[in-house]
Amino acid sequence: MKYFMPILASIVTAGEILMLVFLFFIWKAGASTVDQGVINLIYGVALGYHSAFMIVIGYYFGSSQSSADKTKIMAQSAEAPPGEVKP
């Protein structure tokens, strides 16, 4: 469970980069050479990955990560004898 969140964040970030690469190649090839249904599908998937990517970024750089760290520090200090704080 310790490595689950970093691995999941890496997968979502790689997916976001992959979707941006797909969109770049579609743009470079020209929209007229690619079926419009495929373009709409890739745009929809890209928006979904972008939403997941924003959630990952919000967790790691927002208040959720610092709140989890604070909870861990409070649990460690509660286990320590009075007057002694674990590093």
PDB file of N, CA and C in Angstrom:
ATOM      1  N   MET A   1       0.829  -1.200   0.000  1.00  0.00           N
ATOM      2  CA  MET A   1       0.000   0.000   0.000  1.00  0.00           C
ATOM      3  C   MET A   1       0.868   1.256   0.000  1.00  0.00           C
ATOM      4  N   LYS A   2       2.110   1.106   0.469  1.00  0.00           N
ATOM      5  CA  LYS A   2       3.011   2.242   0.548  1.00  0.00           C
ATOM      6  C   LYS A   2       3.340   2.797  -0.842  1.00  0.00           C
ATOM      7  N   TYR A   3       3.441   1.912  -1.825  1.00  0.00           N
ATOM      8  CA  TYR A   3       3.839   2.330  -3.167  1.00  0.00           C
ATOM      9  C   TYR A   3       2.665   2.495  -4.123  1.00  0.00           C
ATOM     10  N   PHE A   4       1.456   2.256  -3.667  1.00  0.00           N
ATOM     11  CA  PHE A   4       0.303   2.304  -4.555  1.00  0.00           C
ATOM     12  C   PHE A   4       0.076   3.698  -5.134  1.00  0.00           C
ATOM     13  N   MET A   5       0.046   4.714  -4.295  1.00  0.00           N
ATOM     14  CA  MET A   5      -0.232   6.073  -4.774  1.00  0.00           C
ATOM     15  C   MET A   5       0.850   6.588  -5.734  1.00  0.00           C
ATOM     16  N   PRO A   6       2.149   6.404  -5.441  1.00  0.00           N
ATOM     17  CA  PRO A   6       3.146   6.856  -6.421  1.00  0.00           C
ATOM     18  C   PRO A   6       3.063   6.107  -7.748  1.00  0.00           C
ATOM     19  N   ILE A   7       2.770   4.813  -7.711  1.00  0.00           N
ATOM     20  CA  ILE A   7       2.647   4.044  -8.953  1.00  0.00           C
ATOM     21  C   ILE A   7       1.427   4.508  -9.734  1.00  0.00           C
ATOM     22  N   LEU A   8       0.315   4.690  -9.048  1.00  0.00           N
ATOM     23  CA  LEU A   8      -0.897   5.170  -9.713  1.00  0.00           C
ATOM     24  C   LEU A   8      -0.681   6.556 -10.306  1.00  0.00           C
ATOM     25  N   ALA A   9      -0.008   7.424  -9.580  1.00  0.00           N
ATOM     26  CA  ALA A   9       0.285   8.767 -10.086  1.00  0.00           C
ATOM     27  C   ALA A   9       1.175   8.696 -11.319  1.00  0.00           C
ATOM     28  N   SER A  10       2.123   7.768 -11.325  1.00  0.00           N
ATOM     29  CA  SER A  10       3.007   7.606 -12.488  1.00  0.00           C
ATOM     30  C   SER A  10       2.231   7.115 -13.703  1.00  0.00           C
ATOM     31  N   ILE A  11       1.324   6.181 -13.500  1.00  0.00           N
ATOM     32  CA  ILE A  11       0.522   5.663 -14.604  1.00  0.00           C
ATOM     33  C   ILE A  11      -0.369   6.757 -15.184  1.00  0.00           C
ATOM     34  N   VAL A  12      -1.004   7.528 -14.320  1.00  0.00           N
ATOM     35  CA  VAL A  12      -1.883   8.603 -14.791  1.00  0.00           C
ATOM     36  C   VAL A  12      -1.069   9.672 -15.517  1.00  0.00           C
ATOM     37  N   THR A  13       0.109  10.005 -15.013  1.00  0.00           N
ATOM     38  CA  THR A  13       0.961  10.994 -15.665  1.00  0.00           C
ATOM     39  C   THR A  13       1.432  10.494 -17.028  1.00  0.00           C
ATOM     40  N   ALA A  14       1.826   9.210 -17.115  1.00  0.00           N
ATOM     41  CA  ALA A  14       2.233   8.641 -18.400  1.00  0.00           C
ATOM     42  C   ALA A  14       1.068   8.641 -19.382  1.00  0.00           C
ATOM     43  N   GLY A  15      -0.129   8.352 -18.907  1.00  0.00           N
ATOM     44  CA  GLY A  15      -1.305   8.397 -19.770  1.00  0.00           C
ATOM     45  C   GLY A  15      -1.579   9.795 -20.285  1.00  0.00           C
ATOM     46  N   GLU A  16      -1.398  10.782 -19.433  1.00  0.00           N
ATOM     47  CA  GLU A  16      -1.599  12.176 -19.849  1.00  0.00           C
ATOM     48  C   GLU A  16      -0.599  12.546 -20.944  1.00  0.00           C
ATOM     49  N   ILE A  17       0.646  12.179 -20.763  1.00  0.00           N
ATOM     50  CA  ILE A  17       1.669  12.479 -21.765  1.00  0.00           C
ATOM     51  C   ILE A  17       1.360  11.757 -23.074  1.00  0.00           C
ATOM     52  N   LEU A  18       0.939  10.493 -22.985  1.00  0.00           N
ATOM     53  CA  LEU A  18       0.595   9.718 -24.175  1.00  0.00           C
ATOM     54  C   LEU A  18      -0.581  10.349 -24.927  1.00  0.00           C
ATOM     55  N   MET A  19      -1.576  10.805 -24.208  1.00  0.00           N
ATOM     56  CA  MET A  19      -2.712  11.456 -24.860  1.00  0.00           C
ATOM     57  C   MET A  19      -2.285  12.745 -25.546  1.00  0.00           C
ATOM     58  N   LEU A  20      -1.405  13.504 -24.933  1.00  0.00           N
ATOM     59  CA  LEU A  20      -0.921  14.730 -25.569  1.00  0.00           C
ATOM     60  C   LEU A  20      -0.134  14.415 -26.839  1.00  0.00           C
ATOM     61  N   VAL A  21       0.643  13.327 -26.812  1.00  0.00           N
ATOM     62  CA  VAL A  21       1.384  12.916 -28.007  1.00  0.00           C
ATOM     63  C   VAL A  21       0.413  12.510 -29.106  1.00  0.00           C
ATOM     64  N   PHE A  22      -0.619  11.731 -28.769  1.00  0.00           N
ATOM     65  CA  PHE A  22      -1.635  11.358 -29.756  1.00  0.00           C
ATOM     66  C   PHE A  22      -2.283  12.589 -30.370  1.00  0.00           C
ATOM     67  N   LEU A  23      -2.664  13.539 -29.527  1.00  0.00           N
ATOM     68  CA  LEU A  23      -3.305  14.752 -30.035  1.00  0.00           C
ATOM     69  C   LEU A  23      -2.370  15.552 -30.932  1.00  0.00           C
ATOM     70  N   PHE A  24      -1.090  15.568 -30.584  1.00  0.00           N
ATOM     71  CA  PHE A  24      -0.117  16.284 -31.421  1.00  0.00           C
ATOM     72  C   PHE A  24      -0.007  15.635 -32.791  1.00  0.00           C
ATOM     73  N   PHE A  25       0.061  14.306 -32.839  1.00  0.00           N
ATOM     74  CA  PHE A  25       0.188  13.635 -34.129  1.00  0.00           C
ATOM     75  C   PHE A  25      -1.076  13.765 -34.966  1.00  0.00           C
ATOM     76  N   ILE A  26      -2.229  13.788 -34.330  1.00  0.00           N
ATOM     77  CA  ILE A  26      -3.468  14.019 -35.076  1.00  0.00           C
ATOM     78  C   ILE A  26      -3.480  15.433 -35.640  1.00  0.00           C
ATOM     79  N   TRP A  27      -3.046  16.386 -34.829  1.00  0.00           N
ATOM     80  CA  TRP A  27      -2.993  17.771 -35.297  1.00  0.00           C
ATOM     81  C   TRP A  27      -2.015  17.909 -36.458  1.00  0.00           C
ATOM     82  N   LYS A  28      -0.852  17.243 -36.346  1.00  0.00           N
ATOM     83  CA  LYS A  28       0.170  17.323 -37.382  1.00  0.00           C
ATOM     84  C   LYS A  28      -0.296  16.640 -38.670  1.00  0.00           C
ATOM     85  N   ALA A  29      -1.011  15.515 -38.550  1.00  0.00           N
ATOM     86  CA  ALA A  29      -1.490  14.800 -39.728  1.00  0.00           C
ATOM     87  C   ALA A  29      -2.611  15.562 -40.424  1.00  0.00           C
ATOM     88  N   GLY A  30      -3.290  16.377 -39.702  1.00  0.00           N
ATOM     89  CA  GLY A  30      -4.411  17.125 -40.271  1.00  0.00           C
ATOM     90  C   GLY A  30      -5.709  16.408 -39.962  1.00  0.00           C
ATOM     91  N   ALA A  31      -6.671  17.136 -39.509  1.00  0.00           N
ATOM     92  CA  ALA A  31      -7.933  16.538 -39.081  1.00  0.00           C
ATOM     93  C   ALA A  31      -8.692  15.915 -40.247  1.00  0.00           C
ATOM     94  N   SER A  32      -8.438  16.356 -41.464  1.00  0.00           N
ATOM     95  CA  SER A  32      -9.183  15.822 -42.610  1.00  0.00           C
ATOM     96  C   SER A  32      -8.739  14.411 -42.981  1.00  0.00           C
ATOM     97  N   THR A  33      -7.521  14.008 -42.589  1.00  0.00           N
ATOM     98  CA  THR A  33      -7.032  12.671 -42.940  1.00  0.00           C
ATOM     99  C   THR A  33      -7.430  11.616 -41.921  1.00  0.00           C
ATOM    100  N   VAL A  34      -7.950  12.028 -40.778  1.00  0.00           N
ATOM    101  CA  VAL A  34      -8.330  11.091 -39.722  1.00  0.00           C
ATOM    102  C   VAL A  34      -9.848  11.150 -39.561  1.00  0.00           C
ATOM    103  N   ASP A  35     -10.466  10.001 -39.347  1.00  0.00           N
ATOM    104  CA  ASP A  35     -11.909   9.919 -39.162  1.00  0.00           C
ATOM    105  C   ASP A  35     -12.341  10.785 -37.976  1.00  0.00           C
ATOM    106  N   GLN A  36     -13.405  11.533 -38.129  1.00  0.00           N
ATOM    107  CA  GLN A  36     -13.875  12.444 -37.077  1.00  0.00           C
ATOM    108  C   GLN A  36     -14.276  11.692 -35.811  1.00  0.00           C
ATOM    109  N   GLY A  37     -14.817  10.483 -35.949  1.00  0.00           N
ATOM    110  CA  GLY A  37     -15.177   9.688 -34.773  1.00  0.00           C
ATOM    111  C   GLY A  37     -13.965   9.327 -33.938  1.00  0.00           C
ATOM    112  N   VAL A  38     -12.853   9.021 -34.603  1.00  0.00           N
ATOM    113  CA  VAL A  38     -11.613   8.705 -33.882  1.00  0.00           C
ATOM    114  C   VAL A  38     -11.100   9.936 -33.156  1.00  0.00           C
ATOM    115  N   ILE A  39     -11.173  11.078 -33.806  1.00  0.00           N
ATOM    116  CA  ILE A  39     -10.733  12.323 -33.169  1.00  0.00           C
ATOM    117  C   ILE A  39     -11.576  12.612 -31.928  1.00  0.00           C
ATOM    118  N   ASN A  40     -12.884  12.466 -32.036  1.00  0.00           N
ATOM    119  CA  ASN A  40     -13.759  12.710 -30.887  1.00  0.00           C
ATOM    120  C   ASN A  40     -13.480  11.729 -29.757  1.00  0.00           C
ATOM    121  N   LEU A  41     -13.210  10.478 -30.099  1.00  0.00           N
ATOM    122  CA  LEU A  41     -12.891   9.484 -29.078  1.00  0.00           C
ATOM    123  C   LEU A  41     -11.604   9.837 -28.351  1.00  0.00           C
ATOM    124  N   ILE A  42     -10.582  10.208 -29.088  1.00  0.00           N
ATOM    125  CA  ILE A  42      -9.301  10.548 -28.462  1.00  0.00           C
ATOM    126  C   ILE A  42      -9.431  11.818 -27.625  1.00  0.00           C
ATOM    127  N   TYR A  43     -10.196  12.794 -28.093  1.00  0.00           N
ATOM    128  CA  TYR A  43     -10.422  13.999 -27.288  1.00  0.00           C
ATOM    129  C   TYR A  43     -11.141  13.667 -25.981  1.00  0.00           C
ATOM    130  N   GLY A  44     -12.127  12.783 -26.045  1.00  0.00           N
ATOM    131  CA  GLY A  44     -12.845  12.393 -24.830  1.00  0.00           C
ATOM    132  C   GLY A  44     -11.951  11.683 -23.836  1.00  0.00           C
ATOM    133  N   VAL A  45     -11.137  10.760 -24.342  1.00  0.00           N
ATOM    134  CA  VAL A  45     -10.209  10.045 -23.456  1.00  0.00           C
ATOM    135  C   VAL A  45      -9.171  11.011 -22.895  1.00  0.00           C
ATOM    136  N   ALA A  46      -8.710  11.939 -23.725  1.00  0.00           N
ATOM    137  CA  ALA A  46      -7.733  12.924 -23.257  1.00  0.00           C
ATOM    138  C   ALA A  46      -8.311  13.792 -22.145  1.00  0.00           C
ATOM    139  N   LEU A  47      -9.576  14.180 -22.279  1.00  0.00           N
ATOM    140  CA  LEU A  47     -10.207  14.976 -21.216  1.00  0.00           C
ATOM    141  C   LEU A  47     -10.335  14.174 -19.926  1.00  0.00           C
ATOM    142  N   GLY A  48     -10.662  12.886 -20.042  1.00  0.00           N
ATOM    143  CA  GLY A  48     -10.746  12.033 -18.854  1.00  0.00           C
ATOM    144  C   GLY A  48      -9.398  11.888 -18.175  1.00  0.00           C
ATOM    145  N   TYR A  49      -8.359  11.640 -18.966  1.00  0.00           N
ATOM    146  CA  TYR A  49      -7.017  11.527 -18.385  1.00  0.00           C
ATOM    147  C   TYR A  49      -6.573  12.848 -17.785  1.00  0.00           C
ATOM    148  N   HIS A  50      -6.943  13.943 -18.428  1.00  0.00           N
ATOM    149  CA  HIS A  50      -6.558  15.247 -17.888  1.00  0.00           C
ATOM    150  C   HIS A  50      -7.223  15.486 -16.531  1.00  0.00           C
ATOM    151  N   SER A  51      -8.466  15.071 -16.393  1.00  0.00           N
ATOM    152  CA  SER A  51      -9.149  15.209 -15.102  1.00  0.00           C
ATOM    153  C   SER A  51      -8.449  14.383 -14.029  1.00  0.00           C
ATOM    154  N   ALA A  52      -8.099  13.144 -14.375  1.00  0.00           N
ATOM    155  CA  ALA A  52      -7.380  12.295 -13.412  1.00  0.00           C
ATOM    156  C   ALA A  52      -6.017  12.886 -13.084  1.00  0.00           C
ATOM    157  N   PHE A  53      -5.348  13.440 -14.076  1.00  0.00           N
ATOM    158  CA  PHE A  53      -4.042  14.059 -13.860  1.00  0.00           C
ATOM    159  C   PHE A  53      -4.154  15.252 -12.915  1.00  0.00           C
ATOM    160  N   MET A  54      -5.189  16.042 -13.078  1.00  0.00           N
ATOM    161  CA  MET A  54      -5.388  17.190 -12.190  1.00  0.00           C
ATOM    162  C   MET A  54      -5.663  16.744 -10.754  1.00  0.00           C
ATOM    163  N   ILE A  55      -6.363  15.635 -10.579  1.00  0.00           N
ATOM    164  CA  ILE A  55      -6.611  15.113  -9.235  1.00  0.00           C
ATOM    165  C   ILE A  55      -5.301  14.660  -8.598  1.00  0.00           C
ATOM    166  N   VAL A  56      -4.456  13.988  -9.376  1.00  0.00           N
ATOM    167  CA  VAL A  56      -3.149  13.539  -8.865  1.00  0.00           C
ATOM    168  C   VAL A  56      -2.298  14.735  -8.469  1.00  0.00           C
ATOM    169  N   ILE A  57      -2.230  15.734  -9.329  1.00  0.00           N
ATOM    170  CA  ILE A  57      -1.447  16.935  -9.025  1.00  0.00           C
ATOM    171  C   ILE A  57      -2.018  17.643  -7.797  1.00  0.00           C
ATOM    172  N   GLY A  58      -3.329  17.714  -7.727  1.00  0.00           N
ATOM    173  CA  GLY A  58      -3.965  18.350  -6.562  1.00  0.00           C
ATOM    174  C   GLY A  58      -3.660  17.619  -5.273  1.00  0.00           C
ATOM    175  N   TYR A  59      -3.570  16.297  -5.334  1.00  0.00           N
ATOM    176  CA  TYR A  59      -3.261  15.532  -4.127  1.00  0.00           C
ATOM    177  C   TYR A  59      -1.829  15.784  -3.682  1.00  0.00           C
ATOM    178  N   TYR A  60      -0.885  15.660  -4.601  1.00  0.00           N
ATOM    179  CA  TYR A  60       0.520  15.774  -4.219  1.00  0.00           C
ATOM    180  C   TYR A  60       0.958  17.192  -3.888  1.00  0.00           C
ATOM    181  N   PHE A  61       0.350  18.188  -4.510  1.00  0.00           N
ATOM    182  CA  PHE A  61       0.768  19.557  -4.252  1.00  0.00           C
ATOM    183  C   PHE A  61      -0.285  20.361  -3.514  1.00  0.00           C
ATOM    184  N   GLY A  62      -1.387  19.733  -3.154  1.00  0.00           N
ATOM    185  CA  GLY A  62      -2.449  20.408  -2.421  1.00  0.00           C
ATOM    186  C   GLY A  62      -2.398  20.073  -0.944  1.00  0.00           C
ATOM    187  N   SER A  63      -3.516  20.244  -0.280  1.00  0.00           N
ATOM    188  CA  SER A  63      -3.548  20.066   1.169  1.00  0.00           C
ATOM    189  C   SER A  63      -3.693  18.605   1.580  1.00  0.00           C
ATOM    190  N   SER A  64      -4.093  17.710   0.685  1.00  0.00           N
ATOM    191  CA  SER A  64      -4.307  16.314   1.072  1.00  0.00           C
ATOM    192  C   SER A  64      -3.020  15.633   1.497  1.00  0.00           C
ATOM    193  N   GLN A  65      -1.931  15.835   0.734  1.00  0.00           N
ATOM    194  CA  GLN A  65      -0.660  15.212   1.085  1.00  0.00           C
ATOM    195  C   GLN A  65      -0.122  15.764   2.394  1.00  0.00           C
ATOM    196  N   SER A  66      -0.185  17.068   2.587  1.00  0.00           N
ATOM    197  CA  SER A  66       0.315  17.643   3.834  1.00  0.00           C
ATOM    198  C   SER A  66      -0.546  17.216   5.014  1.00  0.00           C
ATOM    199  N   SER A  67      -1.837  17.034   4.788  1.00  0.00           N
ATOM    200  CA  SER A  67      -2.713  16.553   5.849  1.00  0.00           C
ATOM    201  C   SER A  67      -2.371  15.110   6.223  1.00  0.00           C
ATOM    202  N   ALA A  68      -2.077  14.274   5.231  1.00  0.00           N
ATOM    203  CA  ALA A  68      -1.680  12.888   5.506  1.00  0.00           C
ATOM    204  C   ALA A  68      -0.355  12.847   6.256  1.00  0.00           C
ATOM    205  N   ASP A  69       0.578  13.719   5.876  1.00  0.00           N
ATOM    206  CA  ASP A  69       1.867  13.794   6.584  1.00  0.00           C
ATOM    207  C   ASP A  69       1.671  14.237   8.028  1.00  0.00           C
ATOM    208  N   LYS A  70       0.787  15.205   8.245  1.00  0.00           N
ATOM    209  CA  LYS A  70       0.517  15.699   9.597  1.00  0.00           C
ATOM    210  C   LYS A  70      -0.082  14.593  10.458  1.00  0.00           C
ATOM    211  N   THR A  71      -1.003  13.821   9.882  1.00  0.00           N
ATOM    212  CA  THR A  71      -1.621  12.723  10.624  1.00  0.00           C
ATOM    213  C   THR A  71      -0.589  11.685  11.009  1.00  0.00           C
ATOM    214  N   LYS A  72       0.347  11.390  10.106  1.00  0.00           N
ATOM    215  CA  LYS A  72       1.405  10.418  10.389  1.00  0.00           C
ATOM    216  C   LYS A  72       2.316  10.923  11.516  1.00  0.00           C
ATOM    217  N   ILE A  73       2.664  12.198  11.485  1.00  0.00           N
ATOM    218  CA  ILE A  73       3.520  12.776  12.533  1.00  0.00           C
ATOM    219  C   ILE A  73       2.804  12.763  13.877  1.00  0.00           C
ATOM    220  N   MET A  74       1.503  13.073  13.873  1.00  0.00           N
ATOM    221  CA  MET A  74       0.745  13.066  15.127  1.00  0.00           C
ATOM    222  C   MET A  74       0.651  11.655  15.699  1.00  0.00           C
ATOM    223  N   ALA A  75       0.515  10.651  14.849  1.00  0.00           N
ATOM    224  CA  ALA A  75       0.445   9.261  15.312  1.00  0.00           C
ATOM    225  C   ALA A  75       1.778   8.832  15.906  1.00  0.00           C
ATOM    226  N   GLN A  76       2.888   9.260  15.300  1.00  0.00           N
ATOM    227  CA  GLN A  76       4.205   8.920  15.829  1.00  0.00           C
ATOM    228  C   GLN A  76       4.452   9.592  17.174  1.00  0.00           C
ATOM    229  N   SER A  77       4.031  10.839  17.304  1.00  0.00           N
ATOM    230  CA  SER A  77       4.260  11.541  18.566  1.00  0.00           C
ATOM    231  C   SER A  77       3.352  11.000  19.672  1.00  0.00           C
ATOM    232  N   ALA A  78       2.208  10.436  19.315  1.00  0.00           N
ATOM    233  CA  ALA A  78       1.315   9.847  20.317  1.00  0.00           C
ATOM    234  C   ALA A  78       1.884   8.548  20.863  1.00  0.00           C
ATOM    235  N   GLU A  79       2.683   7.843  20.055  1.00  0.00           N
ATOM    236  CA  GLU A  79       3.294   6.592  20.495  1.00  0.00           C
ATOM    237  C   GLU A  79       4.526   6.812  21.357  1.00  0.00           C
ATOM    238  N   ALA A  80       5.132   7.987  21.274  1.00  0.00           N
ATOM    239  CA  ALA A  80       6.361   8.275  22.019  1.00  0.00           C
ATOM    240  C   ALA A  80       6.038   8.544  23.488  1.00  0.00           C
ATOM    241  N   PRO A  81       6.988   8.245  24.368  1.00  0.00           N
ATOM    242  CA  PRO A  81       6.795   8.575  25.786  1.00  0.00           C
ATOM    243  C   PRO A  81       6.670  10.095  25.975  1.00  0.00           C
ATOM    244  N   PRO A  82       6.029  10.533  27.049  1.00  0.00           N
ATOM    245  CA  PRO A  82       5.853  11.977  27.285  1.00  0.00           C
ATOM    246  C   PRO A  82       7.195  12.706  27.315  1.00  0.00           C
ATOM    247  N   GLY A  83       7.265  13.831  26.644  1.00  0.00           N
ATOM    248  CA  GLY A  83       8.475  14.624  26.627  1.00  0.00           C
ATOM    249  C   GLY A  83       9.449  14.223  25.541  1.00  0.00           C
ATOM    250  N   GLU A  84       9.161  13.155  24.805  1.00  0.00           N
ATOM    251  CA  GLU A  84      10.072  12.697  23.750  1.00  0.00           C
ATOM    252  C   GLU A  84       9.300  12.581  22.444  1.00  0.00           C
ATOM    253  N   VAL A  85       9.824  13.168  21.409  1.00  0.00           N
ATOM    254  CA  VAL A  85       9.198  13.131  20.098  1.00  0.00           C
ATOM    255  C   VAL A  85      10.100  12.320  19.170  1.00  0.00           C
ATOM    256  N   LYS A  86       9.504  11.351  18.467  1.00  0.00           N
ATOM    257  CA  LYS A  86      10.278  10.552  17.521  1.00  0.00           C
ATOM    258  C   LYS A  86      10.633  11.400  16.294  1.00  0.00           C
ATOM    259  N   PRO A  87      11.805  11.186  15.728  1.00  0.00           N
ATOM    260  CA  PRO A  87      12.171  11.948  14.528  1.00  0.00           C
ATOM    261  C   PRO A  87      11.439  11.459  13.298  1.00  0.00           C
TER     262      PRO A  87
END
